[in-house]
Amino acid sequence: MSKEAITATDASNRPCCTPLVHEPLSADRSGDLARMFKALGDPVRLRLLSLVASHEGGEACVCDISPTFDVSQPTISHHLKVLRDAGLLDSERRGTWVYYWVVPSALQQLSSLLAATNPSAPVPLANA
């Protein structure tokens, strides 16, 4: 059966649905996005990203992050490294502490893909 034969149509025989994406992902981009999604596949890392993103001033010290979780500080550091390696967080050492912030372009890439529309179009709010 041809691809056209299995495409849903409306009453006027036109395709009833617009494509969810405009073009397939390249191998490089899909690899980058897969690393980000894999990093976010762990509940602790997802929560860490959310905590850093919502922290006052847009950055958080590991000293502020660690007490929020019931895991050891070395485990928190490992999860933060995974998020950094995936390109979701960036960091800077200041004295004995490391400060983390979200990489806005990484979140925009994920947001654009998840919106399943034109990547340059604004993402509508869920309750709008």
C-alpha atoms as a PDB file:
ATOM      1  CA  MET A   1       0.000   0.000   0.000  1.00  0.00           C
ATOM      2  CA  SER A   2       1.375   3.391  -0.933  1.00  0.00           C
ATOM      3  CA  LYS A   3       2.014   6.151   1.572  1.00  0.00           C
ATOM      4  CA  GLU A   4      -0.706   8.248  -0.095  1.00  0.00           C
ATOM      5  CA  ALA A   5      -3.218   5.448   0.296  1.00  0.00           C
ATOM      6  CA  ILE A   6      -2.838   5.343   4.064  1.00  0.00           C
ATOM      7  CA  THR A   7      -2.910   9.125   4.598  1.00  0.00           C
ATOM      8  CA  ALA A   8      -6.100  10.206   6.362  1.00  0.00           C
ATOM      9  CA  THR A   9      -8.347  12.445   4.284  1.00  0.00           C
ATOM     10  CA  ASP A  10     -11.342  14.624   5.009  1.00  0.00           C
ATOM     11  CA  ALA A  11     -14.668  14.624   3.119  1.00  0.00           C
ATOM     12  CA  SER A  12     -13.183  16.559   0.176  1.00  0.00           C
ATOM     13  CA  ASN A  13     -10.317  14.052  -0.203  1.00  0.00           C
ATOM     14  CA  ARG A  14      -7.718  16.520   1.061  1.00  0.00           C
ATOM     15  CA  PRO A  15      -5.289  15.476   3.741  1.00  0.00           C
ATOM     16  CA  CYS A  16      -7.014  16.258   7.055  1.00  0.00           C
ATOM     17  CA  CYS A  17      -3.907  16.796   9.091  1.00  0.00           C
ATOM     18  CA  THR A  18      -0.899  18.984   8.560  1.00  0.00           C
ATOM     19  CA  PRO A  19       2.454  17.357   9.200  1.00  0.00           C
ATOM     20  CA  LEU A  20       3.670  17.652  12.773  1.00  0.00           C
ATOM     21  CA  VAL A  21       7.152  18.634  11.655  1.00  0.00           C
ATOM     22  CA  HIS A  22       8.333  20.387   8.532  1.00  0.00           C
ATOM     23  CA  GLU A  23      11.420  18.283   7.935  1.00  0.00           C
ATOM     24  CA  PRO A  24      13.118  15.320   9.612  1.00  0.00           C
ATOM     25  CA  LEU A  25      15.939  15.875  12.062  1.00  0.00           C
ATOM     26  CA  SER A  26      19.507  15.573  10.851  1.00  0.00           C
ATOM     27  CA  ALA A  27      21.710  12.877  12.360  1.00  0.00           C
ATOM     28  CA  ASP A  28      23.732  15.461  14.314  1.00  0.00           C
ATOM     29  CA  ARG A  29      20.707  17.301  15.675  1.00  0.00           C
ATOM     30  CA  SER A  30      18.911  14.095  16.615  1.00  0.00           C
ATOM     31  CA  GLY A  31      22.031  12.948  18.484  1.00  0.00           C
ATOM     32  CA  ASP A  32      22.239  16.233  20.408  1.00  0.00           C
ATOM     33  CA  LEU A  33      18.544  16.177  21.273  1.00  0.00           C
ATOM     34  CA  ALA A  34      18.692  12.512  22.291  1.00  0.00           C
ATOM     35  CA  ARG A  35      21.501  13.320  24.768  1.00  0.00           C
ATOM     36  CA  MET A  36      19.362  16.094  26.250  1.00  0.00           C
ATOM     37  CA  PHE A  37      16.284  13.895  26.545  1.00  0.00           C
ATOM     38  CA  LYS A  38      18.342  11.051  27.993  1.00  0.00           C
ATOM     39  CA  ALA A  39      19.751  13.422  30.617  1.00  0.00           C
ATOM     40  CA  LEU A  40      16.221  14.541  31.483  1.00  0.00           C
ATOM     41  CA  GLY A  41      15.011  10.929  31.706  1.00  0.00           C
ATOM     42  CA  ASP A  42      16.091  10.728  35.348  1.00  0.00           C
ATOM     43  CA  PRO A  43      13.667  12.300  37.862  1.00  0.00           C
ATOM     44  CA  VAL A  44      16.499  13.750  39.976  1.00  0.00           C
ATOM     45  CA  ARG A  45      18.077  15.431  36.932  1.00  0.00           C
ATOM     46  CA  LEU A  46      14.730  16.755  35.721  1.00  0.00           C
ATOM     47  CA  ARG A  47      14.124  18.212  39.167  1.00  0.00           C
ATOM     48  CA  LEU A  48      17.661  19.630  39.300  1.00  0.00           C
ATOM     49  CA  LEU A  49      17.148  21.425  35.984  1.00  0.00           C
ATOM     50  CA  SER A  50      13.838  22.808  37.232  1.00  0.00           C
ATOM     51  CA  LEU A  51      15.414  23.946  40.491  1.00  0.00           C
ATOM     52  CA  VAL A  52      18.292  25.729  38.766  1.00  0.00           C
ATOM     53  CA  ALA A  53      15.969  27.308  36.178  1.00  0.00           C
ATOM     54  CA  SER A  54      13.617  28.655  38.840  1.00  0.00           C
ATOM     55  CA  HIS A  55      16.312  29.815  41.266  1.00  0.00           C
ATOM     56  CA  GLU A  56      16.401  33.526  42.017  1.00  0.00           C
ATOM     57  CA  GLY A  57      18.893  35.300  39.774  1.00  0.00           C
ATOM     58  CA  GLY A  58      18.885  32.463  37.234  1.00  0.00           C
ATOM     59  CA  GLU A  59      21.765  30.567  38.800  1.00  0.00           C
ATOM     60  CA  ALA A  60      22.172  28.284  41.765  1.00  0.00           C
ATOM     61  CA  CYS A  61      25.128  27.267  43.895  1.00  0.00           C
ATOM     62  CA  VAL A  62      25.601  23.570  44.486  1.00  0.00           C
ATOM     63  CA  CYS A  63      25.526  24.479  48.205  1.00  0.00           C
ATOM     64  CA  ASP A  64      21.910  25.676  47.720  1.00  0.00           C
ATOM     65  CA  ILE A  65      20.900  22.677  45.618  1.00  0.00           C
ATOM     66  CA  SER A  66      22.205  19.756  47.669  1.00  0.00           C
ATOM     67  CA  PRO A  67      19.996  20.137  50.779  1.00  0.00           C
ATOM     68  CA  THR A  68      16.861  19.918  48.596  1.00  0.00           C
ATOM     69  CA  PHE A  69      17.521  16.259  47.716  1.00  0.00           C
ATOM     70  CA  ASP A  70      17.752  13.053  49.738  1.00  0.00           C
ATOM     71  CA  VAL A  71      20.898  11.967  47.911  1.00  0.00           C
ATOM     72  CA  SER A  72      24.551  12.602  48.693  1.00  0.00           C
ATOM     73  CA  GLN A  73      26.407  15.673  47.453  1.00  0.00           C
ATOM     74  CA  PRO A  74      28.650  13.547  45.182  1.00  0.00           C
ATOM     75  CA  THR A  75      25.503  12.089  43.585  1.00  0.00           C
ATOM     76  CA  ILE A  76      24.122  15.597  43.028  1.00  0.00           C
ATOM     77  CA  SER A  77      27.458  16.581  41.449  1.00  0.00           C
ATOM     78  CA  HIS A  78      27.266  13.549  39.137  1.00  0.00           C
ATOM     79  CA  HIS A  79      23.744  14.473  38.008  1.00  0.00           C
ATOM     80  CA  LEU A  80      24.792  18.093  37.444  1.00  0.00           C
ATOM     81  CA  LYS A  81      27.722  16.865  35.330  1.00  0.00           C
ATOM     82  CA  VAL A  82      25.361  14.780  33.192  1.00  0.00           C
ATOM     83  CA  LEU A  83      23.165  17.856  32.629  1.00  0.00           C
ATOM     84  CA  ARG A  84      26.258  19.927  31.782  1.00  0.00           C
ATOM     85  CA  ASP A  85      27.573  17.280  29.383  1.00  0.00           C
ATOM     86  CA  ALA A  86      24.170  17.228  27.654  1.00  0.00           C
ATOM     87  CA  GLY A  87      24.407  20.986  27.120  1.00  0.00           C
ATOM     88  CA  LEU A  88      21.477  21.824  29.391  1.00  0.00           C
ATOM     89  CA  LEU A  89      23.467  23.539  32.142  1.00  0.00           C
ATOM     90  CA  ASP A  90      26.622  25.587  32.284  1.00  0.00           C
ATOM     91  CA  SER A  91      28.705  26.301  35.359  1.00  0.00           C
ATOM     92  CA  GLU A  92      31.454  28.374  36.907  1.00  0.00           C
ATOM     93  CA  ARG A  93      33.636  27.718  39.940  1.00  0.00           C
ATOM     94  CA  ARG A  94      33.747  30.591  42.430  1.00  0.00           C
ATOM     95  CA  GLY A  95      36.077  29.780  45.275  1.00  0.00           C
ATOM     96  CA  THR A  96      35.049  26.436  46.737  1.00  0.00           C
ATOM     97  CA  TRP A  97      31.549  26.438  45.208  1.00  0.00           C
ATOM     98  CA  VAL A  98      30.259  25.799  41.712  1.00  0.00           C
ATOM     99  CA  TYR A  99      27.357  27.849  40.357  1.00  0.00           C
ATOM    100  CA  TYR A 100      25.018  26.489  37.668  1.00  0.00           C
ATOM    101  CA  TRP A 101      22.618  28.107  35.207  1.00  0.00           C
ATOM    102  CA  VAL A 102      20.383  26.824  32.427  1.00  0.00           C
ATOM    103  CA  VAL A 103      21.535  27.193  28.809  1.00  0.00           C
ATOM    104  CA  PRO A 104      18.574  29.042  27.226  1.00  0.00           C
ATOM    105  CA  SER A 105      19.314  27.852  23.674  1.00  0.00           C
ATOM    106  CA  ALA A 106      19.163  24.215  24.821  1.00  0.00           C
ATOM    107  CA  LEU A 107      15.731  24.720  26.358  1.00  0.00           C
ATOM    108  CA  GLN A 108      14.594  26.501  23.191  1.00  0.00           C
ATOM    109  CA  GLN A 109      15.683  23.518  21.076  1.00  0.00           C
ATOM    110  CA  LEU A 110      13.704  21.122  23.258  1.00  0.00           C
ATOM    111  CA  SER A 111      10.725  23.455  23.345  1.00  0.00           C
ATOM    112  CA  SER A 112      10.686  23.838  19.563  1.00  0.00           C
ATOM    113  CA  LEU A 113      10.801  20.109  19.015  1.00  0.00           C
ATOM    114  CA  LEU A 114       8.121  19.388  21.589  1.00  0.00           C
ATOM    115  CA  ALA A 115       5.867  22.102  20.187  1.00  0.00           C
ATOM    116  CA  ALA A 116       5.722  20.037  16.964  1.00  0.00           C
ATOM    117  CA  THR A 117       5.136  23.155  14.919  1.00  0.00           C
ATOM    118  CA  ASN A 118       7.210  25.727  13.145  1.00  0.00           C
ATOM    119  CA  PRO A 119      10.303  26.145  15.393  1.00  0.00           C
ATOM    120  CA  SER A 120      10.157  29.929  14.994  1.00  0.00           C
ATOM    121  CA  ALA A 121       6.500  30.139  16.063  1.00  0.00           C
ATOM    122  CA  PRO A 122       5.772  31.119  19.681  1.00  0.00           C
ATOM    123  CA  VAL A 123       4.797  28.269  21.979  1.00  0.00           C
ATOM    124  CA  PRO A 124       1.208  28.767  23.221  1.00  0.00           C
ATOM    125  CA  LEU A 125       0.497  28.553  26.950  1.00  0.00           C
ATOM    126  CA  ALA A 126      -1.414  25.450  28.054  1.00  0.00           C
ATOM    127  CA  ASN A 127      -4.213  27.411  29.702  1.00  0.00           C
ATOM    128  CA  ALA A 128      -4.475  30.149  27.085  1.00  0.00           C
END
